[in-house]
């Protein structure tokens, strides 16, 4: 199957699944519910759910068994964007071509919406209707918690904030992004794998290496798009990192070398997949997509 066709199907499926779940929440706090829905469902590539589905299906899992893990990681991603956009962090006014949550609603409601989406992620994982074994649920919960927390995304965001206005070495930038962006990419791939009973520890190690290189390619290309992208296309303010005086791959390596490095990382991700005996065509296509996108 072609990645573009698969991505459209994934986005339609996961959006409907998450919307239905949120609509079933009671109306005790309707403003919060609206802000959660806005922050979660307003556009986006659904790259992380796509990786959950693509990995799980490679190991013979049905989409029904992958829905809850896919929704969980998208909730964490959405919460991180809501908080990342707030004045206390990046102070962005635009996300996915629309007003950010704190602009659309308020800073206090944005804070609560992010908090509620984070906890909703673990509601998804622990839902008795998921069809997953207790062992799988425990593994998924630990992966998402660690990759989203201090040792992963939150730790990376803290390093990012501390690095504003400073010239940091390239190796520190790699560490920063392996946590801030790469951690959830790795979580998505591993969560898809752990939904299956057919995956081995060697498979897990290979998939984690794939996800490491893919996540790096994804972030390097994001930095490239911050320089060459169009605000209307990328859906957020062009040059946002430059305005905050952040070190980026283009600023440290030069634009052309950063482009080349992104492609090198994508190729390394693809090469790693040769170790697996399952159909990895969607994962291969995703690695290439990371460095051939305009948003």
C-alpha atoms as a PDB file:
ATOM      1  CA  UNK A   1       0.000   0.000   0.000  1.00  0.00           C
ATOM      2  CA  UNK A   2       1.151   3.540  -0.727  1.00  0.00           C
ATOM      3  CA  UNK A   3       1.884   5.671   2.345  1.00  0.00           C
ATOM      4  CA  UNK A   4      -0.310   8.556   1.171  1.00  0.00           C
ATOM      5  CA  UNK A   5      -3.370   6.319   0.900  1.00  0.00           C
ATOM      6  CA  UNK A   6      -2.582   4.674   4.227  1.00  0.00           C
ATOM      7  CA  UNK A   7      -2.111   8.051   5.938  1.00  0.00           C
ATOM      8  CA  UNK A   8      -5.499   9.312   4.775  1.00  0.00           C
ATOM      9  CA  UNK A   9      -7.172   6.181   6.105  1.00  0.00           C
ATOM     10  CA  UNK A  10      -5.316   6.418   9.417  1.00  0.00           C
ATOM     11  CA  UNK A  11      -6.201  10.088   9.908  1.00  0.00           C
ATOM     12  CA  UNK A  12      -9.876   9.461   9.162  1.00  0.00           C
ATOM     13  CA  UNK A  13      -9.990   6.447  11.470  1.00  0.00           C
ATOM     14  CA  UNK A  14      -8.137   7.907  14.465  1.00  0.00           C
ATOM     15  CA  UNK A  15      -9.924  11.264  14.260  1.00  0.00           C
ATOM     16  CA  UNK A  16     -13.324   9.563  14.338  1.00  0.00           C
ATOM     17  CA  UNK A  17     -12.204   7.288  17.177  1.00  0.00           C
ATOM     18  CA  UNK A  18     -10.883  10.139  19.346  1.00  0.00           C
ATOM     19  CA  UNK A  19     -13.830  12.427  18.600  1.00  0.00           C
ATOM     20  CA  UNK A  20     -16.306   9.719  19.565  1.00  0.00           C
ATOM     21  CA  UNK A  21     -14.429   9.077  22.803  1.00  0.00           C
ATOM     22  CA  UNK A  22     -14.364  12.757  23.795  1.00  0.00           C
ATOM     23  CA  UNK A  23     -18.015  13.262  22.901  1.00  0.00           C
ATOM     24  CA  UNK A  24     -18.917  10.547  25.402  1.00  0.00           C
ATOM     25  CA  UNK A  25     -17.295  12.477  28.255  1.00  0.00           C
ATOM     26  CA  UNK A  26     -19.859  14.165  30.489  1.00  0.00           C
ATOM     27  CA  UNK A  27     -20.594  17.876  30.132  1.00  0.00           C
ATOM     28  CA  UNK A  28     -19.595  18.956  33.630  1.00  0.00           C
ATOM     29  CA  UNK A  29     -16.900  21.249  32.172  1.00  0.00           C
ATOM     30  CA  UNK A  30     -18.043  22.034  28.600  1.00  0.00           C
ATOM     31  CA  UNK A  31     -15.433  24.747  27.985  1.00  0.00           C
ATOM     32  CA  UNK A  32     -12.624  22.363  28.892  1.00  0.00           C
ATOM     33  CA  UNK A  33     -14.123  19.633  26.734  1.00  0.00           C
ATOM     34  CA  UNK A  34     -14.292  22.040  23.782  1.00  0.00           C
ATOM     35  CA  UNK A  35     -10.677  23.165  24.275  1.00  0.00           C
ATOM     36  CA  UNK A  36      -9.505  19.531  24.490  1.00  0.00           C
ATOM     37  CA  UNK A  37     -11.345  18.645  21.296  1.00  0.00           C
ATOM     38  CA  UNK A  38     -10.003  21.732  19.499  1.00  0.00           C
ATOM     39  CA  UNK A  39      -6.392  21.024  20.487  1.00  0.00           C
ATOM     40  CA  UNK A  40      -6.626  17.329  19.664  1.00  0.00           C
ATOM     41  CA  UNK A  41      -8.640  17.249  16.458  1.00  0.00           C
ATOM     42  CA  UNK A  42      -7.638  20.427  14.627  1.00  0.00           C
ATOM     43  CA  UNK A  43      -5.569  19.141  11.708  1.00  0.00           C
ATOM     44  CA  UNK A  44      -2.140  17.568  11.921  1.00  0.00           C
ATOM     45  CA  UNK A  45      -0.332  14.780  10.069  1.00  0.00           C
ATOM     46  CA  UNK A  46      -1.199  12.077  12.642  1.00  0.00           C
ATOM     47  CA  UNK A  47       2.347  10.833  12.122  1.00  0.00           C
ATOM     48  CA  UNK A  48       2.590   9.105  15.498  1.00  0.00           C
ATOM     49  CA  UNK A  49      -0.680   7.160  15.176  1.00  0.00           C
ATOM     50  CA  UNK A  50       0.422   6.239  11.651  1.00  0.00           C
ATOM     51  CA  UNK A  51       3.590   4.705  13.066  1.00  0.00           C
ATOM     52  CA  UNK A  52       1.608   2.779  15.672  1.00  0.00           C
ATOM     53  CA  UNK A  53      -0.637   1.307  12.960  1.00  0.00           C
ATOM     54  CA  UNK A  54       2.160   0.681  10.447  1.00  0.00           C
ATOM     55  CA  UNK A  55       4.321  -1.129  13.001  1.00  0.00           C
ATOM     56  CA  UNK A  56       1.525  -3.116  14.605  1.00  0.00           C
ATOM     57  CA  UNK A  57       0.075  -4.199  11.275  1.00  0.00           C
ATOM     58  CA  UNK A  58       3.525  -5.352  10.128  1.00  0.00           C
ATOM     59  CA  UNK A  59       3.312  -7.822  13.010  1.00  0.00           C
ATOM     60  CA  UNK A  60      -0.192  -8.983  12.059  1.00  0.00           C
ATOM     61  CA  UNK A  61      -2.231  -6.843  14.441  1.00  0.00           C
ATOM     62  CA  UNK A  62      -5.689  -5.603  13.477  1.00  0.00           C
ATOM     63  CA  UNK A  63      -6.401  -1.888  13.506  1.00  0.00           C
ATOM     64  CA  UNK A  64      -9.015  -2.446  16.217  1.00  0.00           C
ATOM     65  CA  UNK A  65      -6.276  -3.585  18.598  1.00  0.00           C
ATOM     66  CA  UNK A  66      -4.124  -0.578  17.706  1.00  0.00           C
ATOM     67  CA  UNK A  67      -6.731   2.192  18.042  1.00  0.00           C
ATOM     68  CA  UNK A  68      -6.246   2.776  21.759  1.00  0.00           C
ATOM     69  CA  UNK A  69      -2.455   2.976  21.628  1.00  0.00           C
ATOM     70  CA  UNK A  70      -2.647   5.263  18.586  1.00  0.00           C
ATOM     71  CA  UNK A  71      -5.114   7.573  20.355  1.00  0.00           C
ATOM     72  CA  UNK A  72      -3.018   7.595  23.515  1.00  0.00           C
ATOM     73  CA  UNK A  73       0.140   8.811  21.828  1.00  0.00           C
ATOM     74  CA  UNK A  74      -1.740  11.440  19.817  1.00  0.00           C
ATOM     75  CA  UNK A  75      -3.245  12.776  23.056  1.00  0.00           C
ATOM     76  CA  UNK A  76       0.231  13.157  24.551  1.00  0.00           C
ATOM     77  CA  UNK A  77       1.500  14.816  21.365  1.00  0.00           C
ATOM     78  CA  UNK A  78      -1.456  17.227  21.325  1.00  0.00           C
ATOM     79  CA  UNK A  79      -1.019  18.135  24.988  1.00  0.00           C
ATOM     80  CA  UNK A  80       2.667  18.848  24.385  1.00  0.00           C
ATOM     81  CA  UNK A  81       1.845  21.201  21.508  1.00  0.00           C
ATOM     82  CA  UNK A  82      -0.763  23.073  23.550  1.00  0.00           C
ATOM     83  CA  UNK A  83       1.719  23.682  26.361  1.00  0.00           C
ATOM     84  CA  UNK A  84       4.624  24.318  23.969  1.00  0.00           C
ATOM     85  CA  UNK A  85       2.671  27.100  22.260  1.00  0.00           C
ATOM     86  CA  UNK A  86       1.877  28.969  25.494  1.00  0.00           C
ATOM     87  CA  UNK A  87       3.511  32.330  26.342  1.00  0.00           C
ATOM     88  CA  UNK A  88       5.590  30.715  29.080  1.00  0.00           C
ATOM     89  CA  UNK A  89       7.311  28.582  26.443  1.00  0.00           C
ATOM     90  CA  UNK A  90       7.387  29.403  22.715  1.00  0.00           C
ATOM     91  CA  UNK A  91       4.505  31.910  22.702  1.00  0.00           C
ATOM     92  CA  UNK A  92       3.187  30.797  19.301  1.00  0.00           C
ATOM     93  CA  UNK A  93      -0.058  32.214  17.956  1.00  0.00           C
ATOM     94  CA  UNK A  94      -0.506  29.765  15.085  1.00  0.00           C
ATOM     95  CA  UNK A  95      -0.677  25.976  15.015  1.00  0.00           C
ATOM     96  CA  UNK A  96      -1.759  23.862  12.055  1.00  0.00           C
ATOM     97  CA  UNK A  97      -2.940  27.033  10.331  1.00  0.00           C
ATOM     98  CA  UNK A  98      -5.300  28.015  13.164  1.00  0.00           C
ATOM     99  CA  UNK A  99      -5.162  29.959  16.411  1.00  0.00           C
ATOM    100  CA  UNK A 100      -3.343  28.127  19.180  1.00  0.00           C
ATOM    101  CA  UNK A 101      -5.447  26.910  22.096  1.00  0.00           C
ATOM    102  CA  UNK A 102      -4.418  29.658  24.516  1.00  0.00           C
ATOM    103  CA  UNK A 103      -5.264  32.301  21.894  1.00  0.00           C
ATOM    104  CA  UNK A 104      -8.580  30.706  20.949  1.00  0.00           C
ATOM    105  CA  UNK A 105      -9.656  30.138  24.551  1.00  0.00           C
ATOM    106  CA  UNK A 106      -7.394  31.343  27.392  1.00  0.00           C
ATOM    107  CA  UNK A 107      -4.064  30.510  28.971  1.00  0.00           C
ATOM    108  CA  UNK A 108      -5.691  28.851  31.978  1.00  0.00           C
ATOM    109  CA  UNK A 109      -7.998  26.719  29.836  1.00  0.00           C
ATOM    110  CA  UNK A 110      -5.085  25.769  27.555  1.00  0.00           C
ATOM    111  CA  UNK A 111      -3.115  24.602  30.581  1.00  0.00           C
ATOM    112  CA  UNK A 112      -6.031  22.480  31.784  1.00  0.00           C
ATOM    113  CA  UNK A 113      -6.773  21.119  28.308  1.00  0.00           C
ATOM    114  CA  UNK A 114      -3.183  19.933  27.991  1.00  0.00           C
ATOM    115  CA  UNK A 115      -3.304  18.351  31.440  1.00  0.00           C
ATOM    116  CA  UNK A 116      -6.592  16.609  30.651  1.00  0.00           C
ATOM    117  CA  UNK A 117      -5.329  15.258  27.329  1.00  0.00           C
ATOM    118  CA  UNK A 118      -2.276  13.829  29.040  1.00  0.00           C
ATOM    119  CA  UNK A 119      -4.431  11.909  31.505  1.00  0.00           C
ATOM    120  CA  UNK A 120      -6.846  10.906  28.721  1.00  0.00           C
ATOM    121  CA  UNK A 121      -3.939   9.127  27.056  1.00  0.00           C
ATOM    122  CA  UNK A 122      -3.696   6.735  29.972  1.00  0.00           C
ATOM    123  CA  UNK A 123      -7.463   6.310  30.037  1.00  0.00           C
ATOM    124  CA  UNK A 124      -7.157   5.037  26.474  1.00  0.00           C
ATOM    125  CA  UNK A 125      -4.392   2.599  27.373  1.00  0.00           C
ATOM    126  CA  UNK A 126      -6.262   1.190  30.375  1.00  0.00           C
ATOM    127  CA  UNK A 127      -9.654   0.942  28.666  1.00  0.00           C
ATOM    128  CA  UNK A 128     -11.037  -2.578  29.090  1.00  0.00           C
ATOM    129  CA  UNK A 129     -12.381  -2.491  25.519  1.00  0.00           C
ATOM    130  CA  UNK A 130      -8.910  -2.315  23.958  1.00  0.00           C
ATOM    131  CA  UNK A 131      -8.599  -6.089  23.696  1.00  0.00           C
ATOM    132  CA  UNK A 132      -4.972  -5.892  24.850  1.00  0.00           C
ATOM    133  CA  UNK A 133      -3.471  -8.225  27.437  1.00  0.00           C
ATOM    134  CA  UNK A 134      -2.479  -6.912  30.860  1.00  0.00           C
ATOM    135  CA  UNK A 135       1.155  -7.507  29.888  1.00  0.00           C
ATOM    136  CA  UNK A 136       0.780  -5.360  26.769  1.00  0.00           C
ATOM    137  CA  UNK A 137      -1.017  -2.596  28.663  1.00  0.00           C
ATOM    138  CA  UNK A 138       1.763  -2.484  31.263  1.00  0.00           C
ATOM    139  CA  UNK A 139       4.428  -2.283  28.552  1.00  0.00           C
ATOM    140  CA  UNK A 140       2.561   0.420  26.613  1.00  0.00           C
ATOM    141  CA  UNK A 141       1.994   2.482  29.752  1.00  0.00           C
ATOM    142  CA  UNK A 142       5.645   2.375  30.722  1.00  0.00           C
ATOM    143  CA  UNK A 143       6.844   3.238  27.219  1.00  0.00           C
ATOM    144  CA  UNK A 144       4.533   6.239  26.907  1.00  0.00           C
ATOM    145  CA  UNK A 145       5.212   7.496  30.441  1.00  0.00           C
ATOM    146  CA  UNK A 146       8.997   7.312  30.104  1.00  0.00           C
ATOM    147  CA  UNK A 147       9.179   8.686  26.562  1.00  0.00           C
ATOM    148  CA  UNK A 148       6.851  11.583  27.436  1.00  0.00           C
ATOM    149  CA  UNK A 149       8.361  12.456  30.822  1.00  0.00           C
ATOM    150  CA  UNK A 150      11.629  13.560  32.344  1.00  0.00           C
ATOM    151  CA  UNK A 151      13.831  11.154  30.386  1.00  0.00           C
ATOM    152  CA  UNK A 152      12.024  11.963  27.138  1.00  0.00           C
ATOM    153  CA  UNK A 153       9.887  14.778  25.771  1.00  0.00           C
ATOM    154  CA  UNK A 154       9.609  16.948  28.902  1.00  0.00           C
ATOM    155  CA  UNK A 155      13.314  16.701  29.558  1.00  0.00           C
ATOM    156  CA  UNK A 156      14.002  17.714  25.971  1.00  0.00           C
ATOM    157  CA  UNK A 157      11.686  20.706  26.252  1.00  0.00           C
ATOM    158  CA  UNK A 158      13.497  21.830  29.414  1.00  0.00           C
ATOM    159  CA  UNK A 159      16.854  21.615  27.633  1.00  0.00           C
ATOM    160  CA  UNK A 160      15.337  23.523  24.700  1.00  0.00           C
ATOM    161  CA  UNK A 161      14.105  26.360  26.914  1.00  0.00           C
ATOM    162  CA  UNK A 162      17.452  26.551  28.698  1.00  0.00           C
ATOM    163  CA  UNK A 163      19.239  26.749  25.338  1.00  0.00           C
ATOM    164  CA  UNK A 164      17.400  29.810  24.007  1.00  0.00           C
ATOM    165  CA  UNK A 165      19.814  32.595  23.186  1.00  0.00           C
ATOM    166  CA  UNK A 166      22.792  30.264  23.539  1.00  0.00           C
ATOM    167  CA  UNK A 167      25.069  28.655  20.982  1.00  0.00           C
ATOM    168  CA  UNK A 168      24.998  24.961  21.838  1.00  0.00           C
ATOM    169  CA  UNK A 169      27.219  22.299  20.262  1.00  0.00           C
ATOM    170  CA  UNK A 170      25.791  19.948  17.672  1.00  0.00           C
ATOM    171  CA  UNK A 171      25.964  16.915  19.965  1.00  0.00           C
ATOM    172  CA  UNK A 172      23.853  18.666  22.626  1.00  0.00           C
ATOM    173  CA  UNK A 173      21.341  19.587  19.933  1.00  0.00           C
ATOM    174  CA  UNK A 174      21.122  15.904  18.976  1.00  0.00           C
ATOM    175  CA  UNK A 175      20.473  14.965  22.609  1.00  0.00           C
ATOM    176  CA  UNK A 176      17.862  17.714  22.912  1.00  0.00           C
ATOM    177  CA  UNK A 177      15.909  16.527  19.896  1.00  0.00           C
ATOM    178  CA  UNK A 178      16.321  12.832  20.643  1.00  0.00           C
ATOM    179  CA  UNK A 179      14.259  13.655  23.720  1.00  0.00           C
ATOM    180  CA  UNK A 180      11.936  16.458  22.639  1.00  0.00           C
ATOM    181  CA  UNK A 181      10.869  15.043  19.253  1.00  0.00           C
ATOM    182  CA  UNK A 182      12.551  11.676  18.882  1.00  0.00           C
ATOM    183  CA  UNK A 183      11.207  10.167  22.093  1.00  0.00           C
ATOM    184  CA  UNK A 184       7.575  10.150  20.941  1.00  0.00           C
ATOM    185  CA  UNK A 185       8.556   8.837  17.500  1.00  0.00           C
ATOM    186  CA  UNK A 186      10.300   5.952  19.245  1.00  0.00           C
ATOM    187  CA  UNK A 187       7.312   5.491  21.553  1.00  0.00           C
ATOM    188  CA  UNK A 188       4.931   5.269  18.593  1.00  0.00           C
ATOM    189  CA  UNK A 189       6.947   2.541  16.883  1.00  0.00           C
ATOM    190  CA  UNK A 190       7.513   0.554  20.076  1.00  0.00           C
ATOM    191  CA  UNK A 191       3.871   0.850  21.138  1.00  0.00           C
ATOM    192  CA  UNK A 192       2.760  -0.545  17.787  1.00  0.00           C
ATOM    193  CA  UNK A 193       5.148  -3.447  18.272  1.00  0.00           C
ATOM    194  CA  UNK A 194       4.123  -4.186  21.853  1.00  0.00           C
ATOM    195  CA  UNK A 195       0.482  -4.459  20.808  1.00  0.00           C
ATOM    196  CA  UNK A 196       1.554  -7.693  19.110  1.00  0.00           C
ATOM    197  CA  UNK A 197       2.250 -11.042  20.732  1.00  0.00           C
ATOM    198  CA  UNK A 198       4.552 -11.993  17.829  1.00  0.00           C
ATOM    199  CA  UNK A 199       7.352  -9.498  18.371  1.00  0.00           C
ATOM    200  CA  UNK A 200      10.785 -10.579  19.687  1.00  0.00           C
ATOM    201  CA  UNK A 201      13.349  -8.627  21.680  1.00  0.00           C
ATOM    202  CA  UNK A 202      15.581  -8.520  18.589  1.00  0.00           C
ATOM    203  CA  UNK A 203      12.648  -7.026  16.653  1.00  0.00           C
ATOM    204  CA  UNK A 204      12.198  -4.406  19.378  1.00  0.00           C
ATOM    205  CA  UNK A 205      15.873  -3.421  19.252  1.00  0.00           C
ATOM    206  CA  UNK A 206      15.754  -3.084  15.458  1.00  0.00           C
ATOM    207  CA  UNK A 207      12.553  -1.039  15.528  1.00  0.00           C
ATOM    208  CA  UNK A 208      13.966   1.245  18.214  1.00  0.00           C
ATOM    209  CA  UNK A 209      17.043   1.917  16.076  1.00  0.00           C
ATOM    210  CA  UNK A 210      14.810   2.619  13.080  1.00  0.00           C
ATOM    211  CA  UNK A 211      12.748   5.026  15.159  1.00  0.00           C
ATOM    212  CA  UNK A 212      15.870   6.774  16.461  1.00  0.00           C
ATOM    213  CA  UNK A 213      17.081   7.603  12.944  1.00  0.00           C
ATOM    214  CA  UNK A 214      13.579   8.456  11.707  1.00  0.00           C
ATOM    215  CA  UNK A 215      12.979  10.802  14.616  1.00  0.00           C
ATOM    216  CA  UNK A 216      16.274  12.559  13.953  1.00  0.00           C
ATOM    217  CA  UNK A 217      15.460  12.924  10.247  1.00  0.00           C
ATOM    218  CA  UNK A 218      12.039  14.302  11.190  1.00  0.00           C
ATOM    219  CA  UNK A 219      13.475  16.977  13.494  1.00  0.00           C
ATOM    220  CA  UNK A 220      16.327  18.025  11.202  1.00  0.00           C
ATOM    221  CA  UNK A 221      13.807  18.498   8.402  1.00  0.00           C
ATOM    222  CA  UNK A 222      11.532  20.469  10.744  1.00  0.00           C
ATOM    223  CA  UNK A 223      14.467  22.835  11.307  1.00  0.00           C
ATOM    224  CA  UNK A 224      14.956  23.077   7.547  1.00  0.00           C
ATOM    225  CA  UNK A 225      11.273  23.923   7.046  1.00  0.00           C
ATOM    226  CA  UNK A 226      11.563  26.668   9.668  1.00  0.00           C
ATOM    227  CA  UNK A 227      13.975  28.332   7.237  1.00  0.00           C
ATOM    228  CA  UNK A 228      12.541  27.512   3.804  1.00  0.00           C
ATOM    229  CA  UNK A 229       8.898  26.706   4.529  1.00  0.00           C
ATOM    230  CA  UNK A 230       5.855  28.845   3.878  1.00  0.00           C
ATOM    231  CA  UNK A 231       3.791  29.851   6.920  1.00  0.00           C
ATOM    232  CA  UNK A 232       0.563  29.033   5.071  1.00  0.00           C
ATOM    233  CA  UNK A 233       1.823  25.544   4.225  1.00  0.00           C
ATOM    234  CA  UNK A 234       3.658  24.530   7.397  1.00  0.00           C
ATOM    235  CA  UNK A 235       0.750  25.781   9.507  1.00  0.00           C
ATOM    236  CA  UNK A 236       2.897  27.643  12.034  1.00  0.00           C
ATOM    237  CA  UNK A 237       4.908  30.823  12.033  1.00  0.00           C
ATOM    238  CA  UNK A 238       7.954  30.546   9.765  1.00  0.00           C
ATOM    239  CA  UNK A 239      11.212  31.489  11.477  1.00  0.00           C
ATOM    240  CA  UNK A 240       9.851  30.881  14.976  1.00  0.00           C
ATOM    241  CA  UNK A 241      13.078  29.202  16.102  1.00  0.00           C
ATOM    242  CA  UNK A 242      15.174  32.006  14.649  1.00  0.00           C
ATOM    243  CA  UNK A 243      13.096  34.631  16.472  1.00  0.00           C
ATOM    244  CA  UNK A 244      13.754  32.819  19.765  1.00  0.00           C
ATOM    245  CA  UNK A 245      17.484  32.649  18.929  1.00  0.00           C
ATOM    246  CA  UNK A 246      17.521  28.854  19.141  1.00  0.00           C
ATOM    247  CA  UNK A 247      20.329  26.693  17.826  1.00  0.00           C
ATOM    248  CA  UNK A 248      19.064  24.568  14.938  1.00  0.00           C
ATOM    249  CA  UNK A 249      20.660  22.173  12.470  1.00  0.00           C
ATOM    250  CA  UNK A 250      20.731  24.789   9.666  1.00  0.00           C
ATOM    251  CA  UNK A 251      22.224  27.402  12.001  1.00  0.00           C
ATOM    252  CA  UNK A 252      24.958  25.016  13.162  1.00  0.00           C
ATOM    253  CA  UNK A 253      25.609  23.066   9.941  1.00  0.00           C
ATOM    254  CA  UNK A 254      24.379  25.361   7.200  1.00  0.00           C
ATOM    255  CA  UNK A 255      21.148  24.801   5.270  1.00  0.00           C
ATOM    256  CA  UNK A 256      22.470  22.479   2.552  1.00  0.00           C
ATOM    257  CA  UNK A 257      24.425  20.305   4.982  1.00  0.00           C
ATOM    258  CA  UNK A 258      21.342  20.073   7.212  1.00  0.00           C
ATOM    259  CA  UNK A 259      19.267  18.887   4.244  1.00  0.00           C
ATOM    260  CA  UNK A 260      21.898  16.285   3.405  1.00  0.00           C
ATOM    261  CA  UNK A 261      22.093  15.128   7.022  1.00  0.00           C
ATOM    262  CA  UNK A 262      18.317  14.689   7.206  1.00  0.00           C
ATOM    263  CA  UNK A 263      18.423  12.488   4.106  1.00  0.00           C
ATOM    264  CA  UNK A 264      21.346  10.502   5.515  1.00  0.00           C
ATOM    265  CA  UNK A 265      19.373   9.814   8.709  1.00  0.00           C
ATOM    266  CA  UNK A 266      16.338   8.662   6.691  1.00  0.00           C
ATOM    267  CA  UNK A 267      18.496   6.272   4.667  1.00  0.00           C
ATOM    268  CA  UNK A 268      20.036   4.818   7.833  1.00  0.00           C
ATOM    269  CA  UNK A 269      16.526   4.193   9.170  1.00  0.00           C
ATOM    270  CA  UNK A 270      15.616   2.298   6.009  1.00  0.00           C
ATOM    271  CA  UNK A 271      18.795   0.221   6.090  1.00  0.00           C
ATOM    272  CA  UNK A 272      18.080  -0.891   9.664  1.00  0.00           C
ATOM    273  CA  UNK A 273      14.715  -2.358   8.627  1.00  0.00           C
ATOM    274  CA  UNK A 274      16.459  -4.976   6.475  1.00  0.00           C
ATOM    275  CA  UNK A 275      17.055  -6.938   9.698  1.00  0.00           C
ATOM    276  CA  UNK A 276      13.312  -7.637  10.043  1.00  0.00           C
ATOM    277  CA  UNK A 277      11.523 -10.519   8.347  1.00  0.00           C
ATOM    278  CA  UNK A 278       8.138  -8.747   8.119  1.00  0.00           C
ATOM    279  CA  UNK A 279       6.770  -6.318   5.524  1.00  0.00           C
ATOM    280  CA  UNK A 280       8.230  -2.919   6.441  1.00  0.00           C
ATOM    281  CA  UNK A 281       7.272  -1.042   3.266  1.00  0.00           C
ATOM    282  CA  UNK A 282       5.104   1.499   5.104  1.00  0.00           C
ATOM    283  CA  UNK A 283       7.857   2.217   7.616  1.00  0.00           C
ATOM    284  CA  UNK A 284      10.355   2.644   4.787  1.00  0.00           C
ATOM    285  CA  UNK A 285       8.029   5.060   3.015  1.00  0.00           C
ATOM    286  CA  UNK A 286       7.530   7.009   6.232  1.00  0.00           C
ATOM    287  CA  UNK A 287      11.282   7.492   6.679  1.00  0.00           C
ATOM    288  CA  UNK A 288      11.452   8.950   3.151  1.00  0.00           C
ATOM    289  CA  UNK A 289       8.360  11.078   3.799  1.00  0.00           C
ATOM    290  CA  UNK A 290      10.038  12.796   6.741  1.00  0.00           C
ATOM    291  CA  UNK A 291      12.531  14.481   4.414  1.00  0.00           C
ATOM    292  CA  UNK A 292      10.247  15.075   1.439  1.00  0.00           C
ATOM    293  CA  UNK A 293       7.416  16.977   3.120  1.00  0.00           C
ATOM    294  CA  UNK A 294       6.547  20.646   2.968  1.00  0.00           C
ATOM    295  CA  UNK A 295       4.884  20.804   6.392  1.00  0.00           C
END
